Protein backbone atom coordinates (compact mmCIF):
# COMPACT_ATOMS: atom_id res chain seq x y z
CA MET A 1 18.35 16.13 -11.97
CA PRO A 2 17.65 15.90 -15.93
CA PHE A 3 15.21 13.54 -16.98
CA ASP A 4 16.67 12.51 -19.91
CA VAL A 5 17.72 8.83 -21.15
CA ASN A 6 20.78 8.85 -19.52
CA SER A 7 19.59 10.02 -16.03
CA LEU A 8 17.31 7.12 -16.14
CA GLU A 9 19.18 4.31 -17.52
CA SER A 10 19.82 3.02 -13.96
CA HIS A 11 16.93 1.68 -12.88
CA TRP A 12 15.57 -1.25 -14.38
CA MET A 13 11.32 -0.48 -13.60
CA PRO A 14 8.88 -3.13 -13.28
CA PHE A 15 6.60 -4.12 -15.43
CA SER A 16 7.26 -1.80 -17.69
CA ALA A 17 8.60 -1.01 -21.43
CA ASN A 18 12.00 0.37 -20.05
CA ARG A 19 13.31 1.46 -23.39
CA ASP A 20 9.62 3.28 -24.92
CA PHE A 21 9.55 4.54 -21.39
CA LYS A 22 12.72 6.49 -21.21
CA LYS A 23 12.45 8.40 -24.62
CA GLU A 24 9.55 10.02 -22.85
CA PRO A 25 9.36 9.20 -19.34
CA ARG A 26 5.94 9.73 -17.49
CA LEU A 27 7.19 10.73 -13.93
CA VAL A 28 5.03 12.11 -11.23
CA VAL A 29 6.40 14.61 -8.88
CA LYS A 30 3.34 15.50 -6.54
CA SER A 31 0.39 13.90 -5.40
CA GLU A 32 -2.71 14.99 -3.33
CA GLY A 33 -6.21 14.33 -3.36
CA MET A 34 -7.56 12.51 -6.65
CA TYR A 35 -4.67 14.17 -8.97
CA CYS A 36 -0.85 14.14 -9.49
CA TRP A 37 1.37 16.16 -11.29
CA ASP A 38 3.72 15.16 -13.71
CA TYR A 39 7.61 16.79 -14.02
CA LYS A 40 6.67 19.06 -16.98
CA GLY A 41 3.82 20.80 -14.44
CA GLY A 42 0.69 18.89 -16.01
CA LYS A 43 -2.24 18.28 -13.72
CA VAL A 44 -3.27 14.16 -13.73
CA ILE A 45 -6.50 12.84 -12.10
CA ASP A 46 -5.96 9.45 -10.87
CA GLY A 47 -8.48 7.01 -12.23
CA SER A 48 -7.35 3.82 -10.89
CA SER A 49 -6.31 4.93 -7.36
CA SER A 50 -2.64 4.56 -8.66
CA LEU A 51 -2.37 0.64 -8.58
CA PHE A 52 -5.77 0.28 -6.66
CA THR A 53 -3.65 1.19 -3.47
CA THR A 54 -4.85 4.55 -2.55
CA PRO A 55 -8.75 4.65 -2.22
CA CYS A 56 -8.49 7.52 1.11
CA GLY A 57 -6.71 9.74 -1.96
CA HIS A 58 -3.29 11.17 -2.31
CA GLY A 59 -1.38 13.20 0.50
CA ARG A 60 -3.17 11.80 3.29
CA LYS A 61 -1.28 14.23 6.33
CA GLU A 62 -2.73 11.78 9.08
CA ILE A 63 -0.95 8.93 7.83
CA ALA A 64 2.55 11.01 7.31
CA GLU A 65 2.09 12.19 10.93
CA ALA A 66 1.47 8.92 12.14
CA VAL A 67 4.47 7.58 10.42
CA TYR A 68 6.94 9.98 11.43
CA LYS A 69 6.35 10.05 15.38
CA GLN A 70 6.62 6.17 15.00
CA MET A 71 10.01 6.07 13.16
CA SER A 72 10.68 8.84 15.75
CA GLU A 73 10.06 6.46 18.79
CA ASN A 74 11.09 3.08 17.27
CA ASP A 75 11.89 2.97 13.76
CA TYR A 76 12.25 -0.94 13.11
CA ILE A 77 12.20 -4.18 15.60
CA PRO A 78 11.96 -7.37 14.29
CA HIS A 79 9.17 -9.95 14.30
CA PHE A 80 11.10 -13.06 15.07
CA SER A 81 10.27 -13.45 19.03
CA LEU A 82 10.08 -9.91 19.28
CA GLY A 83 7.56 -7.47 18.68
CA HIS A 84 5.78 -3.87 19.16
CA PRO A 85 2.57 -2.68 20.26
CA GLY A 86 1.45 -1.58 16.73
CA SER A 87 1.10 -5.01 14.61
CA PHE A 88 -1.30 -6.13 17.38
CA GLU A 89 -3.38 -2.75 17.24
CA LEU A 90 -3.45 -3.44 13.67
CA SER A 91 -4.53 -6.71 13.08
CA GLU A 92 -7.17 -6.26 16.02
CA MET A 93 -8.92 -3.33 13.68
CA VAL A 94 -8.34 -5.20 10.81
CA THR A 95 -10.10 -8.49 12.04
CA ARG A 96 -13.20 -6.68 13.08
CA MET A 97 -14.34 -6.24 9.51
CA LEU A 98 -13.99 -9.66 8.83
CA PRO A 99 -15.96 -12.80 9.14
CA ASP A 100 -16.39 -14.09 12.69
CA THR A 101 -14.19 -17.24 11.79
CA ILE A 102 -11.08 -15.46 10.73
CA ASN A 103 -9.34 -13.63 13.68
CA HIS A 104 -5.83 -14.19 13.20
CA MET A 105 -3.21 -12.11 10.39
CA PHE A 106 0.31 -12.93 9.43
CA PHE A 107 2.00 -10.02 8.15
CA THR A 108 3.74 -9.34 4.64
CA ASN A 109 5.27 -6.67 2.80
CA SER A 110 3.07 -7.28 -0.70
CA GLY A 111 0.59 -9.32 -2.23
CA SER A 112 2.80 -11.31 -3.78
CA GLU A 113 4.03 -12.50 -0.22
CA SER A 114 0.72 -12.73 0.97
CA ILE A 115 0.00 -15.40 -1.41
CA ASP A 116 3.28 -17.19 -1.23
CA THR A 117 2.64 -17.16 2.77
CA ALA A 118 -0.90 -18.35 1.92
CA ILE A 119 0.46 -21.31 0.20
CA LYS A 120 2.69 -22.16 3.19
CA ILE A 121 0.25 -22.05 5.57
CA VAL A 122 -2.07 -24.11 3.68
CA LEU A 123 0.90 -26.88 3.62
CA ALA A 124 1.40 -26.08 7.46
CA TYR A 125 -2.08 -26.58 8.23
CA GLN A 126 -2.80 -29.84 6.09
CA ARG A 127 0.48 -31.07 7.51
CA ALA A 128 -0.49 -30.28 11.03
CA ARG A 129 -4.04 -32.45 10.88
CA GLY A 130 -2.48 -35.64 9.18
CA GLN A 131 -3.64 -34.74 5.97
CA ALA A 132 0.03 -34.21 4.54
CA GLN A 133 -0.81 -35.48 1.19
CA ARG A 134 -2.98 -32.42 0.43
CA ASN A 135 -0.10 -30.98 -1.59
CA ARG A 136 -2.08 -30.19 -4.82
CA LEU A 137 -3.28 -26.56 -5.26
CA VAL A 138 -6.01 -25.22 -7.71
CA SER A 139 -6.17 -21.48 -9.25
CA ARG A 140 -7.82 -20.28 -12.45
CA GLU A 141 -6.77 -19.35 -16.22
CA ARG A 142 -6.40 -15.46 -15.98
CA ALA A 143 -5.39 -15.28 -12.65
CA TYR A 144 -3.24 -12.90 -10.96
CA HIS A 145 -1.57 -13.90 -8.06
CA GLY A 146 1.87 -11.77 -7.59
CA VAL A 147 4.74 -12.21 -9.15
CA ASN A 148 6.64 -14.23 -6.53
CA MET A 149 7.33 -17.77 -7.93
CA GLY A 150 4.24 -19.51 -5.95
CA GLY A 151 2.34 -16.64 -7.24
CA VAL A 152 3.32 -17.19 -10.43
CA SER A 153 3.06 -20.62 -10.03
CA LEU A 154 -0.90 -19.97 -9.80
CA ALA A 155 -1.22 -16.84 -11.94
CA GLY A 156 -3.29 -17.88 -15.22
CA MET A 157 -2.04 -14.97 -17.26
CA VAL A 158 0.45 -16.70 -19.63
CA LYS A 159 3.15 -13.52 -19.93
CA ASN A 160 3.68 -13.83 -16.39
CA ARG A 161 4.79 -17.50 -16.73
CA GLU A 162 6.43 -18.25 -20.25
CA THR A 163 9.41 -16.48 -19.00
CA PHE A 164 10.09 -18.39 -15.93
CA GLY A 165 10.15 -22.43 -16.66
CA LEU A 166 10.56 -23.13 -12.75
CA THR A 167 7.29 -23.05 -11.21
CA LEU A 168 5.38 -25.15 -8.33
CA PRO A 169 4.19 -28.63 -9.41
CA ASN A 170 0.49 -30.07 -8.31
CA ILE A 171 -1.28 -26.94 -9.54
CA SER A 172 -4.33 -27.30 -11.44
CA MET A 173 -6.27 -24.79 -13.23
CA ILE A 174 -10.14 -24.27 -13.70
CA ARG A 175 -11.68 -22.10 -16.33
CA HIS A 176 -12.03 -18.08 -15.55
CA THR A 177 -15.78 -17.13 -15.76
CA TRP A 178 -15.93 -14.51 -18.90
CA THR A 179 -18.32 -15.91 -21.95
CA GLU A 180 -18.69 -13.88 -24.87
CA GLU A 181 -22.70 -13.83 -23.80
CA GLN A 182 -21.83 -11.73 -20.83
CA ARG A 183 -20.62 -8.89 -22.58
CA PHE A 184 -21.40 -5.25 -21.32
CA SER A 185 -23.16 -7.37 -18.17
CA GLN A 186 -22.94 -4.32 -15.09
CA GLY A 187 -22.42 -6.31 -11.79
CA GLN A 188 -22.99 -10.01 -11.55
CA PRO A 189 -23.32 -11.85 -15.00
CA LEU A 190 -26.61 -14.05 -14.72
CA THR A 191 -25.26 -16.92 -16.74
CA GLY A 192 -21.76 -18.74 -15.68
CA ALA A 193 -22.02 -20.21 -12.17
CA GLU A 194 -21.64 -23.69 -13.73
CA MET A 195 -18.07 -23.19 -14.42
CA ALA A 196 -17.52 -23.77 -10.66
CA ASP A 197 -18.13 -27.18 -11.65
CA ASP A 198 -14.90 -27.51 -12.89
CA LEU A 199 -13.86 -27.51 -9.56
CA GLU A 200 -15.37 -31.05 -8.80
CA ARG A 201 -14.31 -32.62 -12.09
CA ILE A 202 -10.40 -31.49 -10.87
CA ALA A 203 -11.48 -33.37 -7.24
CA MET A 204 -13.00 -36.41 -9.10
CA ASN A 205 -9.84 -36.60 -11.44
CA PHE A 206 -7.14 -36.35 -8.93
CA GLY A 207 -8.97 -36.99 -5.54
CA GLY A 208 -10.45 -34.61 -3.68
CA GLY A 209 -8.21 -35.75 -0.75
CA THR A 210 -5.13 -34.52 -2.36
CA ILE A 211 -6.31 -31.07 -2.68
CA GLY A 212 -5.02 -28.51 -0.40
CA ALA A 213 -6.64 -25.25 -1.41
CA VAL A 214 -8.30 -23.45 -4.19
CA PHE A 215 -7.00 -19.71 -4.61
CA ILE A 216 -9.82 -17.07 -6.09
CA GLU A 217 -10.29 -13.58 -6.68
CA PRO A 218 -13.55 -12.69 -5.67
CA VAL A 219 -13.61 -10.64 -8.66
CA ALA A 220 -10.47 -10.93 -10.93
CA GLY A 221 -8.54 -7.48 -11.22
CA SER A 222 -5.53 -7.50 -13.04
CA THR A 223 -6.68 -9.52 -16.16
CA GLY A 224 -9.86 -6.86 -16.26
CA THR A 225 -12.64 -7.40 -13.70
CA LEU A 226 -14.09 -10.37 -13.97
CA VAL A 227 -16.97 -10.48 -11.88
CA PRO A 228 -18.44 -13.82 -10.60
CA PRO A 229 -21.28 -15.20 -11.91
CA VAL A 230 -24.60 -15.04 -9.71
CA GLY A 231 -24.03 -18.14 -7.44
CA TYR A 232 -20.57 -19.07 -8.69
CA LEU A 233 -18.82 -18.41 -5.69
CA GLU A 234 -21.28 -20.14 -3.72
CA ARG A 235 -20.99 -23.04 -5.63
CA VAL A 236 -17.35 -23.18 -4.95
CA ARG A 237 -17.52 -23.23 -1.44
CA GLU A 238 -19.93 -25.56 -1.41
CA ILE A 239 -17.64 -28.11 -3.44
CA CYS A 240 -14.62 -27.30 -1.13
CA ASP A 241 -16.59 -28.18 1.52
CA LYS A 242 -17.91 -31.24 0.10
CA TYR A 243 -14.03 -32.22 -0.73
CA GLY A 244 -12.62 -30.74 2.37
CA MET A 245 -10.09 -28.28 0.44
CA LEU A 246 -9.63 -24.81 2.09
CA LEU A 247 -11.04 -21.66 0.39
CA VAL A 248 -8.56 -18.84 -0.07
CA PHE A 249 -9.97 -15.42 -1.47
CA ASP A 250 -7.30 -13.45 -2.61
CA GLU A 251 -8.56 -9.53 -1.70
CA VAL A 252 -5.50 -7.81 -2.52
CA ILE A 253 -7.51 -5.23 -5.04
CA THR A 254 -11.12 -6.24 -3.69
CA GLY A 255 -10.36 -5.74 0.00
CA PHE A 256 -10.83 -2.45 1.98
CA GLY A 257 -14.23 -1.05 0.53
CA ARG A 258 -13.43 -1.56 -3.27
CA MET A 259 -16.83 -3.70 -3.47
CA GLY A 260 -18.67 -1.12 -1.61
CA ALA A 261 -18.11 -3.22 1.76
CA PRO A 262 -15.00 -4.11 4.00
CA PHE A 263 -14.22 -7.10 1.77
CA ALA A 264 -15.69 -9.25 -1.00
CA THR A 265 -16.83 -11.77 1.36
CA ASP A 266 -19.31 -9.33 2.67
CA ARG A 267 -20.17 -7.91 -0.87
CA PHE A 268 -21.24 -11.79 -2.19
CA GLY A 269 -21.85 -13.55 1.27
CA VAL A 270 -19.11 -16.13 0.62
CA VAL A 271 -16.94 -17.04 3.45
CA PRO A 272 -13.48 -18.31 2.89
CA ASP A 273 -10.69 -19.96 5.32
CA MET A 274 -8.06 -17.27 4.13
CA ILE A 275 -8.21 -13.85 2.99
CA THR A 276 -4.90 -12.16 1.43
CA MET A 277 -4.66 -8.90 1.51
CA ALA A 278 -2.08 -5.70 0.82
CA LYS A 279 -2.29 -2.62 -1.12
CA ALA A 280 -4.97 -0.57 0.47
CA ILE A 281 -4.26 -1.77 3.74
CA THR A 282 -2.07 1.28 4.31
CA ASN A 283 -3.56 3.32 1.45
CA GLY A 284 -0.51 2.50 -0.34
CA ALA A 285 1.39 4.70 1.39
CA ILE A 286 3.97 2.23 2.55
CA PRO A 287 4.35 -1.59 1.75
CA MET A 288 2.48 -3.99 3.45
CA GLY A 289 0.65 -7.32 3.33
CA ALA A 290 -1.02 -9.78 5.44
CA VAL A 291 -2.89 -13.21 5.39
CA ALA A 292 -5.92 -13.66 7.51
CA VAL A 293 -6.85 -17.28 8.39
CA SER A 294 -9.62 -18.61 10.10
CA ASP A 295 -9.36 -19.69 13.91
CA GLU A 296 -9.34 -23.82 12.84
CA ILE A 297 -6.13 -22.99 10.95
CA TYR A 298 -4.55 -20.77 13.66
CA ASP A 299 -5.02 -23.27 16.25
CA THR A 300 -4.33 -26.44 14.28
CA VAL A 301 -0.92 -25.18 13.44
CA THR A 302 -0.28 -23.77 16.30
CA ASN A 303 -1.13 -26.59 18.75
CA ALA A 304 0.66 -29.12 16.62
CA SER A 305 4.16 -28.14 18.30
CA PRO A 306 5.43 -28.60 21.83
CA ASP A 307 5.27 -25.74 24.25
CA GLY A 308 8.16 -23.15 23.55
CA ALA A 309 8.86 -24.37 19.99
CA ILE A 310 8.02 -22.26 16.60
CA GLU A 311 5.27 -23.33 15.09
CA PHE A 312 5.45 -21.78 11.65
CA PHE A 313 9.30 -21.62 10.11
CA HIS A 314 8.20 -18.68 7.76
CA GLY A 315 8.51 -14.78 8.36
CA TYR A 316 10.04 -11.92 6.64
CA THR A 317 12.53 -9.21 8.13
CA TYR A 318 10.02 -6.21 7.39
CA SER A 319 6.78 -8.31 8.80
CA ALA A 320 4.93 -6.10 10.26
CA HIS A 321 7.35 -3.08 10.00
CA PRO A 322 6.50 -0.34 12.78
CA ALA A 323 6.26 2.38 10.04
CA ALA A 324 3.72 -0.18 7.99
CA CYS A 325 1.63 -0.78 11.19
CA ALA A 326 1.85 3.15 12.13
CA ALA A 327 0.43 3.85 8.35
CA GLY A 328 -1.90 1.03 8.33
CA ILE A 329 -3.68 2.06 11.65
CA ALA A 330 -4.00 5.81 10.47
CA THR A 331 -5.44 4.38 7.31
CA GLN A 332 -7.92 2.47 9.23
CA LYS A 333 -8.88 4.95 10.91
CA ILE A 334 -9.89 7.86 7.67
CA TYR A 335 -11.66 4.68 6.71
CA GLN A 336 -13.84 4.72 9.91
CA GLU A 337 -13.97 8.04 10.74
CA GLU A 338 -15.17 9.25 7.12
CA GLY A 339 -16.98 6.42 6.04
CA LEU A 340 -15.06 5.79 3.01
CA PHE A 341 -16.82 1.90 2.66
CA GLN A 342 -20.07 3.55 2.68
CA ARG A 343 -19.13 6.53 0.54
CA ALA A 344 -17.89 3.61 -1.96
CA ALA A 345 -21.27 1.97 -1.94
CA ASP A 346 -23.13 5.12 -2.37
CA MET A 347 -21.22 6.02 -5.50
CA GLU A 348 -20.79 3.12 -7.20
CA GLN A 349 -24.34 3.17 -9.21
CA TYR A 350 -23.17 6.85 -10.56
CA PHE A 351 -19.76 5.60 -11.19
CA GLN A 352 -20.76 2.29 -13.04
CA ASP A 353 -23.52 4.70 -14.93
CA ALA A 354 -20.92 6.96 -16.21
CA VAL A 355 -18.52 4.16 -17.28
CA TRP A 356 -21.44 2.41 -19.05
CA SER A 357 -21.87 5.71 -21.26
CA LEU A 358 -18.69 4.93 -23.07
CA LYS A 359 -20.69 1.72 -24.82
CA ASP A 360 -21.40 3.50 -27.55
CA HIS A 361 -17.82 4.02 -28.73
CA PRO A 362 -16.75 1.95 -31.88
CA LEU A 363 -13.35 1.04 -29.99
CA VAL A 364 -15.27 -0.42 -26.67
CA TYR A 365 -15.62 -4.07 -27.15
CA ASP A 366 -16.87 -5.11 -23.62
CA LEU A 367 -17.71 -3.30 -20.12
CA ARG A 368 -17.38 -4.97 -17.14
CA GLY A 369 -17.75 -4.00 -13.47
CA ILE A 370 -18.96 -3.81 -9.91
CA GLY A 371 -18.40 -1.88 -6.84
CA MET A 372 -16.30 1.02 -8.01
CA MET A 373 -14.22 -0.90 -9.82
CA ALA A 374 -14.47 -1.33 -13.56
CA THR A 375 -12.86 -2.10 -16.73
CA VAL A 376 -13.16 -1.02 -20.65
CA GLU A 377 -11.73 -3.20 -22.89
CA ILE A 378 -11.16 -2.18 -26.38
CA HIS A 379 -10.97 -3.95 -29.89
CA PRO A 380 -7.28 -4.73 -29.99
CA GLY A 381 -4.73 -2.94 -32.52
CA GLU A 382 -2.60 -4.67 -35.08
CA THR A 383 -1.50 -7.00 -32.30
CA PRO A 384 -3.20 -7.83 -28.83
CA GLY A 385 -2.25 -5.10 -26.07
CA ALA A 386 -0.38 -2.61 -28.48
CA LEU A 387 -3.52 0.25 -28.71
CA GLY A 388 -4.02 -0.68 -25.03
CA GLY A 389 -0.38 0.23 -24.42
CA LYS A 390 -0.43 3.25 -26.43
CA MET A 391 -3.83 4.80 -25.06
CA GLN A 392 -2.14 4.47 -21.60
CA LYS A 393 0.60 6.95 -22.48
CA ASP A 394 -1.89 8.93 -24.39
CA MET A 395 -4.22 8.91 -21.75
CA PHE A 396 -1.17 10.30 -19.22
CA TRP A 397 -0.72 13.54 -21.35
CA ASN A 398 -4.71 13.98 -21.75
CA GLY A 399 -4.39 14.53 -17.94
CA LEU A 400 -5.80 11.07 -16.87
CA HIS A 401 -4.21 7.76 -15.12
CA VAL A 402 -5.66 4.57 -15.51
CA LYS A 403 -4.16 1.10 -14.97
CA TRP A 404 -4.10 -0.98 -18.71
CA THR A 405 -3.61 -4.63 -18.57
CA GLY A 406 -2.97 -5.41 -22.46
CA ASP A 407 -6.53 -4.14 -23.96
CA ASN A 408 -8.45 -3.64 -20.59
CA ALA A 409 -8.36 -0.40 -18.75
CA ILE A 410 -8.96 -0.92 -15.15
CA LEU A 411 -10.76 1.70 -13.56
CA ALA A 412 -10.89 1.96 -9.91
CA PRO A 413 -11.34 5.98 -8.63
CA ALA A 414 -10.67 6.63 -4.59
CA PHE A 415 -13.45 6.60 -2.63
CA ILE A 416 -13.15 10.52 -2.06
CA ALA A 417 -14.22 10.95 -5.68
CA GLU A 418 -17.02 13.37 -6.23
CA ARG A 419 -19.26 13.16 -9.11
CA SER A 420 -17.48 15.89 -10.93
CA HIS A 421 -14.38 13.85 -10.50
CA ILE A 422 -15.85 10.96 -12.10
CA ASP A 423 -17.64 12.95 -14.81
CA GLU A 424 -13.46 13.95 -15.53
CA ILE A 425 -12.40 10.87 -15.57
CA ILE A 426 -14.72 9.24 -18.12
CA GLU A 427 -14.40 12.53 -20.25
CA LYS A 428 -10.88 12.35 -20.34
CA PHE A 429 -11.07 8.37 -21.56
CA ARG A 430 -13.59 9.17 -24.15
CA LYS A 431 -11.10 12.24 -25.30
CA THR A 432 -8.34 9.52 -25.81
CA LEU A 433 -10.28 6.95 -27.48
CA ASP A 434 -11.21 9.49 -30.21
CA GLN A 435 -8.11 10.06 -30.70
CA GLN A 436 -7.18 6.52 -31.82
CA LEU A 437 -10.03 6.76 -34.35
């Protein structure tokens, strides 16, 4: 097909400047390993694992073959009082990586659905234990929790909310953790842990007994890799325990090795009551998400209903789709057999040092990073986000894909990356920075 404005007009693209994109489309027609190829034949290194989804690299034949085999044998079965073996196998594989207290998974189709599901689980749990008045939720400024209405309501990114006035009530926000004095902190900042005390102020203001749960990205991802200060997450956990609030970790980005450990809960040594996940659960090959919950939550909700009755009135037509489960199982096997989480841990320091080599560039305002994830924040242009948007386009034609949010470039290479790949990413990043001067 011809790739011109008219041929592209029927697709209303998500999170995109549609009119601008269709004037000069950045279309990918092939992907393999660390690279993608555009429709003009250009080779593009993937500096963000697509959308933090593909840490095993692109074009994994093991996943494609597993999906084909599953689709040939059993293409679809609903999970409403039916089932197929794959969902039970995948949930067992994933829960083995989670803290000992978290042994149950509810499957969704995305990170956004995982957050809305987690909200419902919170409310169902509190009601089942006789605490229905706990219908207030707490989130953070600069938080991103997906684009369904629950996630938008929890979001701390104004552009994700201002168009949609109809959001959930009873949501309070605490501050994000970034401060000016933290600029160029590699790893966890040493200052800022006291901002966790905002949560106690919310509890004292509204009554701790009215708060059902606190939603936290261990590392705020989409807003630009906001790493928690030393002691911050520990203090949040302590306050949750003091007031009987659940702690939900949104690990849609940080899960499955991005922090050099299976999940961020392992990296930071703080155990939540629930973990939301998606993206890398299938290496991005097929949409899938999940919510993992503690034994206490699962047992309380399921035991509150009579025998034979549905305990939790929630689910999706494609929850635990057989093909998605097959992709998930194949992905977990790759993680295990190739030791990719350890590989990410081993590559972390080289990657972070490479990113920090950009510190001397006059356009760089801040650098933040931990694990195999880092942000280069640039000084804004005429309007916030304008220069970042231009750089994202320029980088693509310079042979580099990086995810940008406003003036924040979020680097998150696949775990299969060699040092030469990291060097190539940084070289092309610097080249594009230089072109803006």
